[in-house]
């Protein structure tokens, strides 16, 4: 149990750093697409070996939609943004995804109405976001607003994909669903990379060893270790405890970005971080109280 929590806290928190290093010399969408296709193929081979690689046409369709929203719209915008935005700031912006989840769920006819503490968390979280983006990169460098908008789109797409996954009528077994999402979402990311001309003129000689190592880490640790640990925790722990990764990851990412890449931080960054983490903690705690049913894996 402790090792599984360590995996979703530390590994998922470190993937933003790995993405930042990988896109230094690897084209973003092609890099991410290849990552998920390889991870999905390895996971599918394992499922086939165990006799569990089975899904209905409806499950293929549902996971194609979820994979598009989570991976192409979610992770794809993250790798695109991290070409210009530090990994620590990226994960802080992405950590507000639960805010979008609450708003989208509220809009659904059968969705949960937010409580007053949840609404307070929403305002607090967006306030922290304004403080973070308005301050730019420590040192007086303004943030690329276009890439920040891409991260907002990533939050929206991830939240929509998560909600779609939650309300599917015939969900696949969690590991099968994750495998299908990686295969289908990864293929779409690779197609987007090709359409953007990312491989035109690309030469392997331009790659650096650290980018290749970072990509390998994303495939192995990020996709094949951390996610199975998450699935294990969903079955053996409470949703409230599992959801704590949403506000531990930003702390890990900011620290690793500062320690390994020398990404600058200042008092404004720490203040915005504290506000966002507190807001996400309030929202996830309230959602746990409103959801008596066990959580499902969301890919």
C-alpha atoms as a PDB file:
ATOM      1  CA  UNK A   1       0.000   0.000   0.000  1.00  0.00           C
ATOM      2  CA  UNK A   2       2.785   2.450   0.932  1.00  0.00           C
ATOM      3  CA  UNK A   3       4.694   1.676  -2.263  1.00  0.00           C
ATOM      4  CA  UNK A   4       1.568   2.253  -4.353  1.00  0.00           C
ATOM      5  CA  UNK A   5       0.982   5.654  -2.738  1.00  0.00           C
ATOM      6  CA  UNK A   6       4.648   6.526  -3.235  1.00  0.00           C
ATOM      7  CA  UNK A   7       4.236   5.705  -6.927  1.00  0.00           C
ATOM      8  CA  UNK A   8       1.256   7.989  -7.569  1.00  0.00           C
ATOM      9  CA  UNK A   9       2.746  10.775  -5.431  1.00  0.00           C
ATOM     10  CA  UNK A  10       6.335  10.767  -6.670  1.00  0.00           C
ATOM     11  CA  UNK A  11       6.147   9.257 -10.164  1.00  0.00           C
ATOM     12  CA  UNK A  12       3.112  11.207 -11.340  1.00  0.00           C
ATOM     13  CA  UNK A  13       4.558  14.348  -9.793  1.00  0.00           C
ATOM     14  CA  UNK A  14       7.833  13.777 -11.628  1.00  0.00           C
ATOM     15  CA  UNK A  15       6.317  13.189 -15.075  1.00  0.00           C
ATOM     16  CA  UNK A  16       5.962  16.961 -15.643  1.00  0.00           C
ATOM     17  CA  UNK A  17       9.716  17.280 -15.195  1.00  0.00           C
ATOM     18  CA  UNK A  18      10.284  14.349 -17.565  1.00  0.00           C
ATOM     19  CA  UNK A  19       8.003  15.914 -20.205  1.00  0.00           C
ATOM     20  CA  UNK A  20       9.871  19.216 -19.942  1.00  0.00           C
ATOM     21  CA  UNK A  21      13.182  17.419 -20.575  1.00  0.00           C
ATOM     22  CA  UNK A  22      11.783  15.166 -23.326  1.00  0.00           C
ATOM     23  CA  UNK A  23      10.431  18.041 -25.435  1.00  0.00           C
ATOM     24  CA  UNK A  24      13.824  19.762 -25.433  1.00  0.00           C
ATOM     25  CA  UNK A  25      14.760  17.706 -28.493  1.00  0.00           C
ATOM     26  CA  UNK A  26      11.676  15.557 -29.218  1.00  0.00           C
ATOM     27  CA  UNK A  27       8.621  16.900 -31.104  1.00  0.00           C
ATOM     28  CA  UNK A  28       5.772  17.143 -28.561  1.00  0.00           C
ATOM     29  CA  UNK A  29       2.789  15.333 -30.065  1.00  0.00           C
ATOM     30  CA  UNK A  30       4.884  12.681 -31.815  1.00  0.00           C
ATOM     31  CA  UNK A  31       6.815  12.074 -28.596  1.00  0.00           C
ATOM     32  CA  UNK A  32       3.669  11.681 -26.482  1.00  0.00           C
ATOM     33  CA  UNK A  33       1.907   9.586 -29.126  1.00  0.00           C
ATOM     34  CA  UNK A  34       4.815   7.162 -29.385  1.00  0.00           C
ATOM     35  CA  UNK A  35       4.946   6.978 -25.575  1.00  0.00           C
ATOM     36  CA  UNK A  36       1.331   5.920 -25.194  1.00  0.00           C
ATOM     37  CA  UNK A  37       1.307   3.599 -28.199  1.00  0.00           C
ATOM     38  CA  UNK A  38       4.311   1.690 -26.858  1.00  0.00           C
ATOM     39  CA  UNK A  39       2.950   1.594 -23.301  1.00  0.00           C
ATOM     40  CA  UNK A  40      -0.484   0.552 -24.575  1.00  0.00           C
ATOM     41  CA  UNK A  41       0.995  -2.192 -26.767  1.00  0.00           C
ATOM     42  CA  UNK A  42       3.001  -3.609 -23.861  1.00  0.00           C
ATOM     43  CA  UNK A  43      -0.039  -3.484 -21.571  1.00  0.00           C
ATOM     44  CA  UNK A  44      -2.229  -5.130 -24.239  1.00  0.00           C
ATOM     45  CA  UNK A  45       0.329  -7.918 -24.695  1.00  0.00           C
ATOM     46  CA  UNK A  46       0.278  -8.536 -20.945  1.00  0.00           C
ATOM     47  CA  UNK A  47      -3.536  -8.597 -20.903  1.00  0.00           C
ATOM     48  CA  UNK A  48      -3.589 -10.998 -23.855  1.00  0.00           C
ATOM     49  CA  UNK A  49      -1.121 -13.270 -22.081  1.00  0.00           C
ATOM     50  CA  UNK A  50      -3.429 -13.286 -19.041  1.00  0.00           C
ATOM     51  CA  UNK A  51      -6.478 -13.899 -21.240  1.00  0.00           C
ATOM     52  CA  UNK A  52      -8.033 -10.538 -20.302  1.00  0.00           C
ATOM     53  CA  UNK A  53      -7.707  -8.628 -23.588  1.00  0.00           C
ATOM     54  CA  UNK A  54     -11.435  -8.514 -24.320  1.00  0.00           C
ATOM     55  CA  UNK A  55     -13.699  -5.540 -25.011  1.00  0.00           C
ATOM     56  CA  UNK A  56     -17.051  -4.994 -26.702  1.00  0.00           C
ATOM     57  CA  UNK A  57     -17.462  -2.615 -29.673  1.00  0.00           C
ATOM     58  CA  UNK A  58     -19.216  -0.179 -27.328  1.00  0.00           C
ATOM     59  CA  UNK A  59     -16.245  -0.273 -24.942  1.00  0.00           C
ATOM     60  CA  UNK A  60     -13.843   0.373 -27.826  1.00  0.00           C
ATOM     61  CA  UNK A  61     -15.913   3.410 -28.799  1.00  0.00           C
ATOM     62  CA  UNK A  62     -16.230   4.764 -25.267  1.00  0.00           C
ATOM     63  CA  UNK A  63     -12.507   4.430 -24.641  1.00  0.00           C
ATOM     64  CA  UNK A  64     -11.733   6.050 -27.983  1.00  0.00           C
ATOM     65  CA  UNK A  65     -13.708   9.101 -26.805  1.00  0.00           C
ATOM     66  CA  UNK A  66     -12.063   9.050 -23.370  1.00  0.00           C
ATOM     67  CA  UNK A  67      -8.599   8.540 -24.872  1.00  0.00           C
ATOM     68  CA  UNK A  68      -9.158  11.496 -27.191  1.00  0.00           C
ATOM     69  CA  UNK A  69     -10.191  13.781 -24.335  1.00  0.00           C
ATOM     70  CA  UNK A  70      -7.674  12.609 -21.732  1.00  0.00           C
ATOM     71  CA  UNK A  71      -4.622  12.061 -23.901  1.00  0.00           C
ATOM     72  CA  UNK A  72      -4.975  14.173 -27.050  1.00  0.00           C
ATOM     73  CA  UNK A  73      -6.795  17.061 -25.410  1.00  0.00           C
ATOM     74  CA  UNK A  74      -5.304  16.683 -21.933  1.00  0.00           C
ATOM     75  CA  UNK A  75      -1.761  15.376 -22.141  1.00  0.00           C
ATOM     76  CA  UNK A  76      -1.278  16.714 -25.674  1.00  0.00           C
ATOM     77  CA  UNK A  77      -1.818  20.297 -24.563  1.00  0.00           C
ATOM     78  CA  UNK A  78       0.532  19.737 -21.625  1.00  0.00           C
ATOM     79  CA  UNK A  79       3.451  18.577 -23.778  1.00  0.00           C
ATOM     80  CA  UNK A  80       2.784  21.455 -26.176  1.00  0.00           C
ATOM     81  CA  UNK A  81       2.755  24.001 -23.335  1.00  0.00           C
ATOM     82  CA  UNK A  82       5.873  22.650 -21.652  1.00  0.00           C
ATOM     83  CA  UNK A  83       7.961  23.694 -24.618  1.00  0.00           C
ATOM     84  CA  UNK A  84       7.782  27.210 -23.170  1.00  0.00           C
ATOM     85  CA  UNK A  85       6.415  26.935 -19.606  1.00  0.00           C
ATOM     86  CA  UNK A  86       8.428  25.515 -16.663  1.00  0.00           C
ATOM     87  CA  UNK A  87       7.291  22.139 -15.373  1.00  0.00           C
ATOM     88  CA  UNK A  88       6.498  23.453 -11.883  1.00  0.00           C
ATOM     89  CA  UNK A  89       4.197  26.185 -13.131  1.00  0.00           C
ATOM     90  CA  UNK A  90       2.623  23.740 -15.586  1.00  0.00           C
ATOM     91  CA  UNK A  91       1.634  21.276 -12.902  1.00  0.00           C
ATOM     92  CA  UNK A  92       0.263  24.051 -10.698  1.00  0.00           C
ATOM     93  CA  UNK A  93      -1.992  25.216 -13.529  1.00  0.00           C
ATOM     94  CA  UNK A  94      -3.014  21.637 -14.353  1.00  0.00           C
ATOM     95  CA  UNK A  95      -3.793  20.957 -10.698  1.00  0.00           C
ATOM     96  CA  UNK A  96      -6.937  23.082 -10.991  1.00  0.00           C
ATOM     97  CA  UNK A  97      -8.586  20.343 -13.085  1.00  0.00           C
ATOM     98  CA  UNK A  98     -10.909  19.421 -10.158  1.00  0.00           C
ATOM     99  CA  UNK A  99     -12.335  22.954 -10.435  1.00  0.00           C
ATOM    100  CA  UNK A 100     -13.357  22.297 -14.029  1.00  0.00           C
ATOM    101  CA  UNK A 101     -14.690  18.879 -12.991  1.00  0.00           C
ATOM    102  CA  UNK A 102     -17.036  20.489 -10.484  1.00  0.00           C
ATOM    103  CA  UNK A 103     -18.275  23.055 -13.008  1.00  0.00           C
ATOM    104  CA  UNK A 104     -18.875  20.500 -15.770  1.00  0.00           C
ATOM    105  CA  UNK A 105     -20.564  18.063 -13.390  1.00  0.00           C
ATOM    106  CA  UNK A 106     -22.815  20.890 -12.186  1.00  0.00           C
ATOM    107  CA  UNK A 107     -23.950  21.498 -15.775  1.00  0.00           C
ATOM    108  CA  UNK A 108     -25.123  17.909 -16.264  1.00  0.00           C
ATOM    109  CA  UNK A 109     -28.802  17.137 -15.534  1.00  0.00           C
ATOM    110  CA  UNK A 110     -27.804  14.365 -13.126  1.00  0.00           C
ATOM    111  CA  UNK A 111     -24.686  16.119 -11.866  1.00  0.00           C
ATOM    112  CA  UNK A 112     -23.964  17.042  -8.271  1.00  0.00           C
ATOM    113  CA  UNK A 113     -24.666  20.573  -7.125  1.00  0.00           C
ATOM    114  CA  UNK A 114     -21.577  22.082  -5.466  1.00  0.00           C
ATOM    115  CA  UNK A 115     -21.730  22.803  -1.755  1.00  0.00           C
ATOM    116  CA  UNK A 116     -20.791  26.182  -0.299  1.00  0.00           C
ATOM    117  CA  UNK A 117     -17.326  24.923   0.713  1.00  0.00           C
ATOM    118  CA  UNK A 118     -16.872  23.671  -2.854  1.00  0.00           C
ATOM    119  CA  UNK A 119     -17.827  27.069  -4.272  1.00  0.00           C
ATOM    120  CA  UNK A 120     -15.373  28.697  -1.863  1.00  0.00           C
ATOM    121  CA  UNK A 121     -12.718  26.283  -3.144  1.00  0.00           C
ATOM    122  CA  UNK A 122     -13.544  27.256  -6.739  1.00  0.00           C
ATOM    123  CA  UNK A 123     -13.075  30.965  -6.096  1.00  0.00           C
ATOM    124  CA  UNK A 124      -9.937  30.306  -4.065  1.00  0.00           C
ATOM    125  CA  UNK A 125      -8.449  28.107  -6.788  1.00  0.00           C
ATOM    126  CA  UNK A 126      -9.073  30.574  -9.584  1.00  0.00           C
ATOM    127  CA  UNK A 127      -7.657  33.328  -7.391  1.00  0.00           C
ATOM    128  CA  UNK A 128      -4.465  31.323  -6.957  1.00  0.00           C
ATOM    129  CA  UNK A 129      -4.346  30.754 -10.703  1.00  0.00           C
ATOM    130  CA  UNK A 130      -4.612  34.483 -11.425  1.00  0.00           C
ATOM    131  CA  UNK A 131      -1.841  35.156  -8.907  1.00  0.00           C
ATOM    132  CA  UNK A 132       0.357  32.506 -10.517  1.00  0.00           C
ATOM    133  CA  UNK A 133      -0.127  33.511 -14.167  1.00  0.00           C
ATOM    134  CA  UNK A 134      -0.115  37.240 -13.444  1.00  0.00           C
ATOM    135  CA  UNK A 135       3.286  36.967 -11.793  1.00  0.00           C
ATOM    136  CA  UNK A 136       4.874  35.283 -14.796  1.00  0.00           C
ATOM    137  CA  UNK A 137       8.066  33.257 -14.472  1.00  0.00           C
ATOM    138  CA  UNK A 138      10.112  34.390 -11.455  1.00  0.00           C
ATOM    139  CA  UNK A 139      12.699  36.846 -12.693  1.00  0.00           C
ATOM    140  CA  UNK A 140      10.275  39.099 -14.544  1.00  0.00           C
ATOM    141  CA  UNK A 141       9.688  36.897 -17.606  1.00  0.00           C
ATOM    142  CA  UNK A 142       6.004  36.923 -18.688  1.00  0.00           C
ATOM    143  CA  UNK A 143       4.300  33.604 -19.328  1.00  0.00           C
ATOM    144  CA  UNK A 144       3.243  32.675 -22.854  1.00  0.00           C
ATOM    145  CA  UNK A 145      -0.505  33.310 -22.609  1.00  0.00           C
ATOM    146  CA  UNK A 146      -1.207  31.103 -25.610  1.00  0.00           C
ATOM    147  CA  UNK A 147       0.437  28.151 -23.895  1.00  0.00           C
ATOM    148  CA  UNK A 148      -1.398  28.995 -20.657  1.00  0.00           C
ATOM    149  CA  UNK A 149      -4.642  28.876 -22.645  1.00  0.00           C
ATOM    150  CA  UNK A 150      -3.569  25.453 -23.932  1.00  0.00           C
ATOM    151  CA  UNK A 151      -3.224  24.295 -20.327  1.00  0.00           C
ATOM    152  CA  UNK A 152      -6.727  25.597 -19.563  1.00  0.00           C
ATOM    153  CA  UNK A 153      -7.954  23.562 -22.521  1.00  0.00           C
ATOM    154  CA  UNK A 154      -6.072  20.559 -21.136  1.00  0.00           C
ATOM    155  CA  UNK A 155      -7.890  20.929 -17.807  1.00  0.00           C
ATOM    156  CA  UNK A 156     -11.250  21.208 -19.548  1.00  0.00           C
ATOM    157  CA  UNK A 157     -10.583  18.231 -21.817  1.00  0.00           C
ATOM    158  CA  UNK A 158      -9.286  16.051 -18.972  1.00  0.00           C
ATOM    159  CA  UNK A 159     -12.327  16.869 -16.851  1.00  0.00           C
ATOM    160  CA  UNK A 160     -14.727  16.135 -19.719  1.00  0.00           C
ATOM    161  CA  UNK A 161     -13.006  12.821 -20.398  1.00  0.00           C
ATOM    162  CA  UNK A 162     -13.110  11.859 -16.743  1.00  0.00           C
ATOM    163  CA  UNK A 163     -16.837  12.621 -16.498  1.00  0.00           C
ATOM    164  CA  UNK A 164     -17.573  10.735 -19.725  1.00  0.00           C
ATOM    165  CA  UNK A 165     -15.666   7.748 -18.334  1.00  0.00           C
ATOM    166  CA  UNK A 166     -17.616   7.910 -15.072  1.00  0.00           C
ATOM    167  CA  UNK A 167     -21.019   7.866 -16.767  1.00  0.00           C
ATOM    168  CA  UNK A 168     -20.396   5.115 -19.336  1.00  0.00           C
ATOM    169  CA  UNK A 169     -23.060   2.411 -19.026  1.00  0.00           C
ATOM    170  CA  UNK A 170     -20.855  -0.583 -19.857  1.00  0.00           C
ATOM    171  CA  UNK A 171     -17.366   0.302 -18.631  1.00  0.00           C
ATOM    172  CA  UNK A 172     -14.469  -1.988 -19.440  1.00  0.00           C
ATOM    173  CA  UNK A 173     -12.308  -3.496 -16.705  1.00  0.00           C
ATOM    174  CA  UNK A 174     -10.005  -0.664 -15.484  1.00  0.00           C
ATOM    175  CA  UNK A 175      -6.736  -2.001 -16.896  1.00  0.00           C
ATOM    176  CA  UNK A 176      -8.368  -2.889 -20.216  1.00  0.00           C
ATOM    177  CA  UNK A 177      -9.900   0.594 -20.408  1.00  0.00           C
ATOM    178  CA  UNK A 178      -6.555   2.253 -19.714  1.00  0.00           C
ATOM    179  CA  UNK A 179      -4.866   0.103 -22.367  1.00  0.00           C
ATOM    180  CA  UNK A 180      -7.449   0.974 -25.020  1.00  0.00           C
ATOM    181  CA  UNK A 181      -7.218   4.659 -24.127  1.00  0.00           C
ATOM    182  CA  UNK A 182      -3.431   4.627 -24.463  1.00  0.00           C
ATOM    183  CA  UNK A 183      -3.537   2.839 -27.820  1.00  0.00           C
ATOM    184  CA  UNK A 184      -6.299   4.940 -29.379  1.00  0.00           C
ATOM    185  CA  UNK A 185      -5.358   8.265 -27.792  1.00  0.00           C
ATOM    186  CA  UNK A 186      -1.693   7.707 -28.572  1.00  0.00           C
ATOM    187  CA  UNK A 187      -2.488   6.982 -32.226  1.00  0.00           C
ATOM    188  CA  UNK A 188      -4.430  10.251 -32.487  1.00  0.00           C
ATOM    189  CA  UNK A 189      -1.570  12.193 -30.884  1.00  0.00           C
ATOM    190  CA  UNK A 190       0.867  10.708 -33.375  1.00  0.00           C
ATOM    191  CA  UNK A 191      -1.448  11.658 -36.264  1.00  0.00           C
ATOM    192  CA  UNK A 192      -1.638  15.234 -34.960  1.00  0.00           C
ATOM    193  CA  UNK A 193       2.141  15.320 -34.775  1.00  0.00           C
ATOM    194  CA  UNK A 194       2.399  14.154 -38.366  1.00  0.00           C
ATOM    195  CA  UNK A 195      -0.215  16.697 -39.483  1.00  0.00           C
ATOM    196  CA  UNK A 196       1.789  19.462 -37.772  1.00  0.00           C
ATOM    197  CA  UNK A 197       4.884  18.367 -39.682  1.00  0.00           C
ATOM    198  CA  UNK A 198       6.767  17.490 -36.516  1.00  0.00           C
ATOM    199  CA  UNK A 199       8.738  14.730 -38.212  1.00  0.00           C
ATOM    200  CA  UNK A 200       9.570  16.750 -41.318  1.00  0.00           C
ATOM    201  CA  UNK A 201      13.252  17.423 -41.197  1.00  0.00           C
ATOM    202  CA  UNK A 202      13.583  15.690 -37.842  1.00  0.00           C
ATOM    203  CA  UNK A 203      16.852  13.793 -37.428  1.00  0.00           C
ATOM    204  CA  UNK A 204      17.760  11.364 -34.676  1.00  0.00           C
ATOM    205  CA  UNK A 205      21.158  13.023 -34.465  1.00  0.00           C
ATOM    206  CA  UNK A 206      19.441  16.045 -32.887  1.00  0.00           C
ATOM    207  CA  UNK A 207      18.331  14.002 -29.893  1.00  0.00           C
ATOM    208  CA  UNK A 208      20.070  14.344 -26.560  1.00  0.00           C
ATOM    209  CA  UNK A 209      20.600  11.455 -24.184  1.00  0.00           C
ATOM    210  CA  UNK A 210      18.608  13.140 -21.441  1.00  0.00           C
ATOM    211  CA  UNK A 211      15.561  13.584 -23.672  1.00  0.00           C
ATOM    212  CA  UNK A 212      15.640   9.891 -24.596  1.00  0.00           C
ATOM    213  CA  UNK A 213      16.038   8.900 -20.942  1.00  0.00           C
ATOM    214  CA  UNK A 214      13.122  11.161 -19.988  1.00  0.00           C
ATOM    215  CA  UNK A 215      10.916   9.608 -22.692  1.00  0.00           C
ATOM    216  CA  UNK A 216      11.830   6.107 -21.526  1.00  0.00           C
ATOM    217  CA  UNK A 217      10.947   7.118 -17.977  1.00  0.00           C
ATOM    218  CA  UNK A 218       7.548   8.369 -19.154  1.00  0.00           C
ATOM    219  CA  UNK A 219       6.828   5.049 -20.864  1.00  0.00           C
ATOM    220  CA  UNK A 220       8.007   2.808 -18.050  1.00  0.00           C
ATOM    221  CA  UNK A 221       7.443   4.645 -14.783  1.00  0.00           C
ATOM    222  CA  UNK A 222       4.677   7.044 -15.837  1.00  0.00           C
ATOM    223  CA  UNK A 223       2.502   4.699 -17.886  1.00  0.00           C
ATOM    224  CA  UNK A 224       3.346   1.155 -16.761  1.00  0.00           C
ATOM    225  CA  UNK A 225       4.067   1.555 -13.033  1.00  0.00           C
ATOM    226  CA  UNK A 226       2.150   4.534 -11.659  1.00  0.00           C
ATOM    227  CA  UNK A 227      -1.152   3.714 -13.344  1.00  0.00           C
ATOM    228  CA  UNK A 228      -1.314   0.068 -12.150  1.00  0.00           C
ATOM    229  CA  UNK A 229      -0.524   1.416  -8.671  1.00  0.00           C
ATOM    230  CA  UNK A 230      -3.483   3.796  -9.029  1.00  0.00           C
ATOM    231  CA  UNK A 231      -5.766   0.920 -10.072  1.00  0.00           C
ATOM    232  CA  UNK A 232      -4.567  -1.114  -7.086  1.00  0.00           C
ATOM    233  CA  UNK A 233      -5.317   1.750  -4.682  1.00  0.00           C
ATOM    234  CA  UNK A 234      -8.809   2.225  -6.093  1.00  0.00           C
ATOM    235  CA  UNK A 235      -9.535  -1.364  -5.058  1.00  0.00           C
ATOM    236  CA  UNK A 236      -7.776  -1.335  -1.684  1.00  0.00           C
ATOM    237  CA  UNK A 237      -8.135   2.213  -0.339  1.00  0.00           C
ATOM    238  CA  UNK A 238     -10.816   4.900  -0.079  1.00  0.00           C
ATOM    239  CA  UNK A 239     -11.508   7.423  -2.875  1.00  0.00           C
ATOM    240  CA  UNK A 240     -10.753  10.284  -0.483  1.00  0.00           C
ATOM    241  CA  UNK A 241      -7.275   8.948   0.237  1.00  0.00           C
ATOM    242  CA  UNK A 242      -6.511   8.123  -3.391  1.00  0.00           C
ATOM    243  CA  UNK A 243      -7.556  11.615  -4.522  1.00  0.00           C
ATOM    244  CA  UNK A 244      -4.824  13.174  -2.376  1.00  0.00           C
ATOM    245  CA  UNK A 245      -2.401  12.720  -5.292  1.00  0.00           C
ATOM    246  CA  UNK A 246      -4.117  15.712  -6.952  1.00  0.00           C
ATOM    247  CA  UNK A 247      -2.616  18.105  -4.455  1.00  0.00           C
ATOM    248  CA  UNK A 248       0.622  16.285  -3.653  1.00  0.00           C
ATOM    249  CA  UNK A 249       1.785  16.148  -7.283  1.00  0.00           C
ATOM    250  CA  UNK A 250       2.160  19.952  -7.643  1.00  0.00           C
ATOM    251  CA  UNK A 251       4.394  20.127  -4.566  1.00  0.00           C
ATOM    252  CA  UNK A 252       6.578  17.322  -5.912  1.00  0.00           C
ATOM    253  CA  UNK A 253       6.759  18.861  -9.400  1.00  0.00           C
ATOM    254  CA  UNK A 254       7.691  22.348  -8.193  1.00  0.00           C
ATOM    255  CA  UNK A 255      10.419  20.945  -5.942  1.00  0.00           C
ATOM    256  CA  UNK A 256      11.885  18.682  -8.638  1.00  0.00           C
ATOM    257  CA  UNK A 257      11.801  21.462 -11.239  1.00  0.00           C
ATOM    258  CA  UNK A 258      13.732  23.715  -8.864  1.00  0.00           C
ATOM    259  CA  UNK A 259      16.162  20.995  -7.759  1.00  0.00           C
ATOM    260  CA  UNK A 260      16.982  19.334 -11.088  1.00  0.00           C
ATOM    261  CA  UNK A 261      16.321  21.945 -13.777  1.00  0.00           C
ATOM    262  CA  UNK A 262      16.959  25.026 -11.671  1.00  0.00           C
ATOM    263  CA  UNK A 263      13.509  26.434 -12.432  1.00  0.00           C
ATOM    264  CA  UNK A 264      13.184  29.694 -10.494  1.00  0.00           C
ATOM    265  CA  UNK A 265      10.681  30.050  -7.663  1.00  0.00           C
ATOM    266  CA  UNK A 266       9.843  33.044  -5.484  1.00  0.00           C
ATOM    267  CA  UNK A 267       7.449  34.060  -2.719  1.00  0.00           C
ATOM    268  CA  UNK A 268       4.661  34.650  -5.254  1.00  0.00           C
ATOM    269  CA  UNK A 269       5.059  31.095  -6.587  1.00  0.00           C
ATOM    270  CA  UNK A 270       4.877  29.650  -3.075  1.00  0.00           C
ATOM    271  CA  UNK A 271       1.829  31.762  -2.223  1.00  0.00           C
ATOM    272  CA  UNK A 272      -0.012  30.750  -5.409  1.00  0.00           C
ATOM    273  CA  UNK A 273       0.991  27.117  -4.828  1.00  0.00           C
ATOM    274  CA  UNK A 274      -0.405  27.140  -1.301  1.00  0.00           C
ATOM    275  CA  UNK A 275      -3.682  28.739  -2.423  1.00  0.00           C
ATOM    276  CA  UNK A 276      -4.186  26.270  -5.294  1.00  0.00           C
ATOM    277  CA  UNK A 277      -3.300  23.218  -3.199  1.00  0.00           C
ATOM    278  CA  UNK A 278      -5.690  24.292  -0.416  1.00  0.00           C
ATOM    279  CA  UNK A 279      -8.460  24.924  -2.962  1.00  0.00           C
ATOM    280  CA  UNK A 280      -8.003  21.500  -4.570  1.00  0.00           C
ATOM    281  CA  UNK A 281      -7.918  19.859  -1.135  1.00  0.00           C
ATOM    282  CA  UNK A 282     -11.245  21.507  -0.234  1.00  0.00           C
ATOM    283  CA  UNK A 283     -12.863  20.462  -3.504  1.00  0.00           C
ATOM    284  CA  UNK A 284     -11.637  16.838  -3.493  1.00  0.00           C
ATOM    285  CA  UNK A 285     -12.678  16.420   0.146  1.00  0.00           C
ATOM    286  CA  UNK A 286     -16.168  17.760  -0.578  1.00  0.00           C
ATOM    287  CA  UNK A 287     -16.515  15.556  -3.663  1.00  0.00           C
ATOM    288  CA  UNK A 288     -15.518  12.528  -1.597  1.00  0.00           C
ATOM    289  CA  UNK A 289     -18.297  13.351   0.891  1.00  0.00           C
ATOM    290  CA  UNK A 290     -20.852  13.724  -1.929  1.00  0.00           C
ATOM    291  CA  UNK A 291     -19.920  10.473  -3.693  1.00  0.00           C
ATOM    292  CA  UNK A 292     -20.820   7.413  -1.611  1.00  0.00           C
ATOM    293  CA  UNK A 293     -20.159   5.008  -4.495  1.00  0.00           C
ATOM    294  CA  UNK A 294     -16.653   3.580  -5.054  1.00  0.00           C
ATOM    295  CA  UNK A 295     -14.516   5.505  -7.563  1.00  0.00           C
ATOM    296  CA  UNK A 296     -13.833   4.123 -11.017  1.00  0.00           C
ATOM    297  CA  UNK A 297     -10.513   4.240 -12.807  1.00  0.00           C
ATOM    298  CA  UNK A 298     -10.444   7.160 -15.205  1.00  0.00           C
ATOM    299  CA  UNK A 299      -7.524   6.254 -17.421  1.00  0.00           C
END
